[in-house]
Amino acid sequence: MSNELSSLSFTVSGRVARPVAQVYEAVADPDQLSKYFTTGGARGRLEPGADISWDFADFPGRFPVTVVEADPPRKLVIRWEGRSALEKETTTTFEFEPIDDNARTLVTITEEAWQLTPDGAKNAFGNCEGWTGMLNALKAWVEHGINLREGFYA
């Protein structure tokens, strides 16, 4: 077994004061996702076989999204475009864990498959920032109905 690093990945987590099924639905449902994260709109429910794309005001253009696994309300795994020719796709895993007798949900997002290059590191750090922002926006939306990203990027 080699200890050599072959690709970059990151994990971010946050707690949302709502039951796991409600938090999962806020990510899987394109109408809700469009209200707090995909500032240009989301198309397609996050489930295998769906025609899914995400659009962002801060990165204009539609990004195709493929659902690799959906295990409601505990896990979603997606693949979507990288930002360079070397990163054809990255894999993002959302895990939803009920805590405090399902009064709250621990959301953990892991993204992997970034190349060990300066561009790969730059893109991984950028997406880490993006997923951290998504968790903050998810919490504000699900708990309070507030869209934190509105007017933030454009």
C-alpha atoms as a PDB file:
ATOM      1  CA  MET A   1       0.000   0.000   0.000  1.00  0.00           C
ATOM      2  CA  SER A   2       1.415   3.350  -1.052  1.00  0.00           C
ATOM      3  CA  ASN A   3       1.064   6.524   0.976  1.00  0.00           C
ATOM      4  CA  GLU A   4       1.573   8.583  -2.167  1.00  0.00           C
ATOM      5  CA  LEU A   5      -1.135  11.145  -2.815  1.00  0.00           C
ATOM      6  CA  SER A   6      -2.690  10.605  -6.234  1.00  0.00           C
ATOM      7  CA  SER A   7      -5.608  13.071  -6.219  1.00  0.00           C
ATOM      8  CA  LEU A   8      -7.128  15.840  -4.137  1.00  0.00           C
ATOM      9  CA  SER A   9     -10.350  15.672  -2.158  1.00  0.00           C
ATOM     10  CA  PHE A  10     -12.041  17.596   0.640  1.00  0.00           C
ATOM     11  CA  THR A  11     -14.896  17.209   3.110  1.00  0.00           C
ATOM     12  CA  VAL A  12     -17.081  19.910   4.680  1.00  0.00           C
ATOM     13  CA  SER A  13     -19.850  19.431   7.234  1.00  0.00           C
ATOM     14  CA  GLY A  14     -22.575  21.421   8.930  1.00  0.00           C
ATOM     15  CA  ARG A  15     -25.609  20.913  11.116  1.00  0.00           C
ATOM     16  CA  VAL A  16     -29.122  21.933  10.090  1.00  0.00           C
ATOM     17  CA  ALA A  17     -31.856  22.171  12.729  1.00  0.00           C
ATOM     18  CA  ARG A  18     -34.437  20.182  10.774  1.00  0.00           C
ATOM     19  CA  PRO A  19     -35.214  16.443  10.363  1.00  0.00           C
ATOM     20  CA  VAL A  20     -33.103  14.448   7.908  1.00  0.00           C
ATOM     21  CA  ALA A  21     -35.890  13.880   5.342  1.00  0.00           C
ATOM     22  CA  GLN A  22     -36.601  17.623   5.111  1.00  0.00           C
ATOM     23  CA  VAL A  23     -32.906  18.471   4.645  1.00  0.00           C
ATOM     24  CA  TYR A  24     -32.408  15.719   2.046  1.00  0.00           C
ATOM     25  CA  GLU A  25     -35.422  17.011   0.120  1.00  0.00           C
ATOM     26  CA  ALA A  26     -34.016  20.554   0.106  1.00  0.00           C
ATOM     27  CA  VAL A  27     -31.003  19.205  -1.810  1.00  0.00           C
ATOM     28  CA  ALA A  28     -32.764  16.659  -4.057  1.00  0.00           C
ATOM     29  CA  ASP A  29     -35.671  18.919  -5.138  1.00  0.00           C
ATOM     30  CA  PRO A  30     -34.669  21.284  -7.980  1.00  0.00           C
ATOM     31  CA  ASP A  31     -37.273  23.898  -6.994  1.00  0.00           C
ATOM     32  CA  GLN A  32     -35.819  24.223  -3.498  1.00  0.00           C
ATOM     33  CA  LEU A  33     -32.200  23.992  -4.678  1.00  0.00           C
ATOM     34  CA  SER A  34     -32.866  26.864  -7.103  1.00  0.00           C
ATOM     35  CA  LYS A  35     -34.065  29.049  -4.232  1.00  0.00           C
ATOM     36  CA  TYR A  36     -30.845  28.978  -2.206  1.00  0.00           C
ATOM     37  CA  PHE A  37     -27.946  27.458  -4.211  1.00  0.00           C
ATOM     38  CA  THR A  38     -28.170  27.227  -8.002  1.00  0.00           C
ATOM     39  CA  THR A  39     -28.662  30.948  -8.573  1.00  0.00           C
ATOM     40  CA  GLY A  40     -29.283  30.361 -12.289  1.00  0.00           C
ATOM     41  CA  GLY A  41     -31.667  27.471 -11.622  1.00  0.00           C
ATOM     42  CA  ALA A  42     -31.640  23.697 -11.233  1.00  0.00           C
ATOM     43  CA  ARG A  43     -33.342  21.317 -13.636  1.00  0.00           C
ATOM     44  CA  GLY A  44     -34.192  17.721 -12.713  1.00  0.00           C
ATOM     45  CA  ARG A  45     -34.597  15.957  -9.385  1.00  0.00           C
ATOM     46  CA  LEU A  46     -31.461  14.351  -7.963  1.00  0.00           C
ATOM     47  CA  GLU A  47     -32.326  10.746  -8.710  1.00  0.00           C
ATOM     48  CA  PRO A  48     -30.717   8.196 -11.046  1.00  0.00           C
ATOM     49  CA  GLY A  49     -31.685   8.594 -14.694  1.00  0.00           C
ATOM     50  CA  ALA A  50     -33.019  12.155 -14.383  1.00  0.00           C
ATOM     51  CA  ASP A  51     -31.962  14.876 -16.849  1.00  0.00           C
ATOM     52  CA  ILE A  52     -30.210  17.223 -14.438  1.00  0.00           C
ATOM     53  CA  SER A  53     -28.318  20.468 -14.853  1.00  0.00           C
ATOM     54  CA  TRP A  54     -27.315  23.309 -12.558  1.00  0.00           C
ATOM     55  CA  ASP A  55     -26.722  26.944 -13.514  1.00  0.00           C
ATOM     56  CA  PHE A  56     -24.990  29.560 -11.351  1.00  0.00           C
ATOM     57  CA  ALA A  57     -24.921  33.353 -11.680  1.00  0.00           C
ATOM     58  CA  ASP A  58     -21.262  33.352 -10.544  1.00  0.00           C
ATOM     59  CA  PHE A  59     -20.243  30.674 -13.090  1.00  0.00           C
ATOM     60  CA  PRO A  60     -22.688  31.178 -15.974  1.00  0.00           C
ATOM     61  CA  GLY A  61     -23.621  28.224 -18.100  1.00  0.00           C
ATOM     62  CA  ARG A  62     -25.353  24.966 -17.372  1.00  0.00           C
ATOM     63  CA  PHE A  63     -23.406  22.190 -15.691  1.00  0.00           C
ATOM     64  CA  PRO A  64     -24.710  18.681 -16.435  1.00  0.00           C
ATOM     65  CA  VAL A  65     -25.085  16.546 -13.286  1.00  0.00           C
ATOM     66  CA  THR A  66     -25.284  12.738 -13.164  1.00  0.00           C
ATOM     67  CA  VAL A  67     -26.705  10.969 -10.119  1.00  0.00           C
ATOM     68  CA  VAL A  68     -24.586   7.914  -9.353  1.00  0.00           C
ATOM     69  CA  GLU A  69     -26.471   6.903  -6.210  1.00  0.00           C
ATOM     70  CA  ALA A  70     -29.557   8.068  -4.342  1.00  0.00           C
ATOM     71  CA  ASP A  71     -30.501   6.525  -0.999  1.00  0.00           C
ATOM     72  CA  PRO A  72     -33.183   8.846   0.438  1.00  0.00           C
ATOM     73  CA  PRO A  73     -32.935  10.378   2.969  1.00  0.00           C
ATOM     74  CA  ARG A  74     -29.345   9.393   3.821  1.00  0.00           C
ATOM     75  CA  LYS A  75     -27.084   9.738   0.775  1.00  0.00           C
ATOM     76  CA  LEU A  76     -26.670  11.278  -2.683  1.00  0.00           C
ATOM     77  CA  VAL A  77     -23.676  10.767  -4.966  1.00  0.00           C
ATOM     78  CA  ILE A  78     -23.294  12.899  -8.092  1.00  0.00           C
ATOM     79  CA  ARG A  79     -20.725  13.405 -10.831  1.00  0.00           C
ATOM     80  CA  TRP A  80     -20.333  16.695 -12.600  1.00  0.00           C
ATOM     81  CA  GLU A  81     -17.877  18.532 -14.805  1.00  0.00           C
ATOM     82  CA  GLY A  82     -14.443  19.516 -13.621  1.00  0.00           C
ATOM     83  CA  ARG A  83     -13.073  22.910 -14.589  1.00  0.00           C
ATOM     84  CA  SER A  84     -10.266  21.809 -16.884  1.00  0.00           C
ATOM     85  CA  ALA A  85      -9.438  19.244 -19.549  1.00  0.00           C
ATOM     86  CA  LEU A  86      -7.656  17.117 -16.925  1.00  0.00           C
ATOM     87  CA  GLU A  87     -10.648  17.015 -14.583  1.00  0.00           C
ATOM     88  CA  LYS A  88     -13.327  15.556 -16.763  1.00  0.00           C
ATOM     89  CA  GLU A  89     -15.601  14.894 -13.782  1.00  0.00           C
ATOM     90  CA  THR A  90     -15.520  15.101 -10.033  1.00  0.00           C
ATOM     91  CA  THR A  91     -17.574  12.988  -7.643  1.00  0.00           C
ATOM     92  CA  THR A  92     -19.517  14.690  -4.854  1.00  0.00           C
ATOM     93  CA  THR A  93     -21.093  12.719  -2.019  1.00  0.00           C
ATOM     94  CA  PHE A  94     -23.768  14.193   0.252  1.00  0.00           C
ATOM     95  CA  GLU A  95     -24.415  12.306   3.496  1.00  0.00           C
ATOM     96  CA  PHE A  96     -27.340  13.164   5.773  1.00  0.00           C
ATOM     97  CA  GLU A  97     -27.145  11.863   9.339  1.00  0.00           C
ATOM     98  CA  PRO A  98     -29.982  12.367  11.825  1.00  0.00           C
ATOM     99  CA  ILE A  99     -28.765  13.712  15.175  1.00  0.00           C
ATOM    100  CA  ASP A 100     -30.508  14.725  18.405  1.00  0.00           C
ATOM    101  CA  ASP A 101     -33.386  12.254  17.841  1.00  0.00           C
ATOM    102  CA  ASN A 102     -33.758  13.564  14.255  1.00  0.00           C
ATOM    103  CA  ALA A 103     -34.341  17.140  15.437  1.00  0.00           C
ATOM    104  CA  ARG A 104     -31.175  18.078  13.522  1.00  0.00           C
ATOM    105  CA  THR A 105     -29.221  16.741  10.558  1.00  0.00           C
ATOM    106  CA  LEU A 106     -25.471  16.534  10.072  1.00  0.00           C
ATOM    107  CA  VAL A 107     -24.779  17.185   6.383  1.00  0.00           C
ATOM    108  CA  THR A 108     -21.371  16.076   5.105  1.00  0.00           C
ATOM    109  CA  ILE A 109     -20.201  16.859   1.566  1.00  0.00           C
ATOM    110  CA  THR A 110     -17.094  15.216   0.092  1.00  0.00           C
ATOM    111  CA  GLU A 111     -15.758  16.015  -3.371  1.00  0.00           C
ATOM    112  CA  GLU A 112     -12.940  14.034  -4.942  1.00  0.00           C
ATOM    113  CA  ALA A 113     -10.905  13.347  -8.066  1.00  0.00           C
ATOM    114  CA  TRP A 114      -9.129  16.690  -8.424  1.00  0.00           C
ATOM    115  CA  GLN A 115      -5.756  16.361 -10.166  1.00  0.00           C
ATOM    116  CA  LEU A 116      -2.494  16.931  -8.262  1.00  0.00           C
ATOM    117  CA  THR A 117      -1.615  20.041 -10.254  1.00  0.00           C
ATOM    118  CA  PRO A 118      -1.635  23.766  -9.459  1.00  0.00           C
ATOM    119  CA  ASP A 119      -4.905  24.108 -11.420  1.00  0.00           C
ATOM    120  CA  GLY A 120      -6.364  21.057  -9.680  1.00  0.00           C
ATOM    121  CA  ALA A 121      -5.533  22.536  -6.267  1.00  0.00           C
ATOM    122  CA  LYS A 122      -6.985  25.923  -7.252  1.00  0.00           C
ATOM    123  CA  ASN A 123     -10.197  24.283  -8.484  1.00  0.00           C
ATOM    124  CA  ALA A 124     -10.494  22.011  -5.429  1.00  0.00           C
ATOM    125  CA  PHE A 125     -10.061  24.987  -3.067  1.00  0.00           C
ATOM    126  CA  GLY A 126     -12.636  26.950  -5.067  1.00  0.00           C
ATOM    127  CA  ASN A 127     -15.176  24.137  -4.902  1.00  0.00           C
ATOM    128  CA  CYS A 128     -14.468  23.627  -1.190  1.00  0.00           C
ATOM    129  CA  GLU A 129     -15.403  27.281  -0.706  1.00  0.00           C
ATOM    130  CA  GLY A 130     -18.492  26.742  -2.874  1.00  0.00           C
ATOM    131  CA  TRP A 131     -19.740  23.707  -0.941  1.00  0.00           C
ATOM    132  CA  THR A 132     -19.135  25.494   2.374  1.00  0.00           C
ATOM    133  CA  GLY A 133     -21.253  28.372   1.051  1.00  0.00           C
ATOM    134  CA  MET A 134     -23.891  25.861  -0.060  1.00  0.00           C
ATOM    135  CA  LEU A 135     -24.081  24.397   3.459  1.00  0.00           C
ATOM    136  CA  ASN A 136     -24.534  27.891   4.953  1.00  0.00           C
ATOM    137  CA  ALA A 137     -27.204  28.711   2.372  1.00  0.00           C
ATOM    138  CA  LEU A 138     -28.940  25.345   2.946  1.00  0.00           C
ATOM    139  CA  LYS A 139     -29.110  26.016   6.694  1.00  0.00           C
ATOM    140  CA  ALA A 140     -30.492  29.548   6.242  1.00  0.00           C
ATOM    141  CA  TRP A 141     -33.043  28.339   3.678  1.00  0.00           C
ATOM    142  CA  VAL A 142     -34.315  25.254   5.512  1.00  0.00           C
ATOM    143  CA  GLU A 143     -34.368  26.830   8.970  1.00  0.00           C
ATOM    144  CA  HIS A 144     -35.492  30.383   8.112  1.00  0.00           C
ATOM    145  CA  GLY A 145     -36.564  30.591   4.436  1.00  0.00           C
ATOM    146  CA  ILE A 146     -33.735  33.043   3.696  1.00  0.00           C
ATOM    147  CA  ASN A 147     -31.751  32.964   0.425  1.00  0.00           C
ATOM    148  CA  LEU A 148     -28.192  33.952   1.427  1.00  0.00           C
ATOM    149  CA  ARG A 149     -26.925  33.896  -2.182  1.00  0.00           C
ATOM    150  CA  GLU A 150     -29.480  36.371  -3.528  1.00  0.00           C
ATOM    151  CA  GLY A 151     -27.471  39.333  -4.836  1.00  0.00           C
ATOM    152  CA  PHE A 152     -24.238  37.894  -3.446  1.00  0.00           C
ATOM    153  CA  TYR A 153     -22.570  37.105  -6.784  1.00  0.00           C
ATOM    154  CA  ALA A 154     -24.384  39.268  -9.305  1.00  0.00           C
END
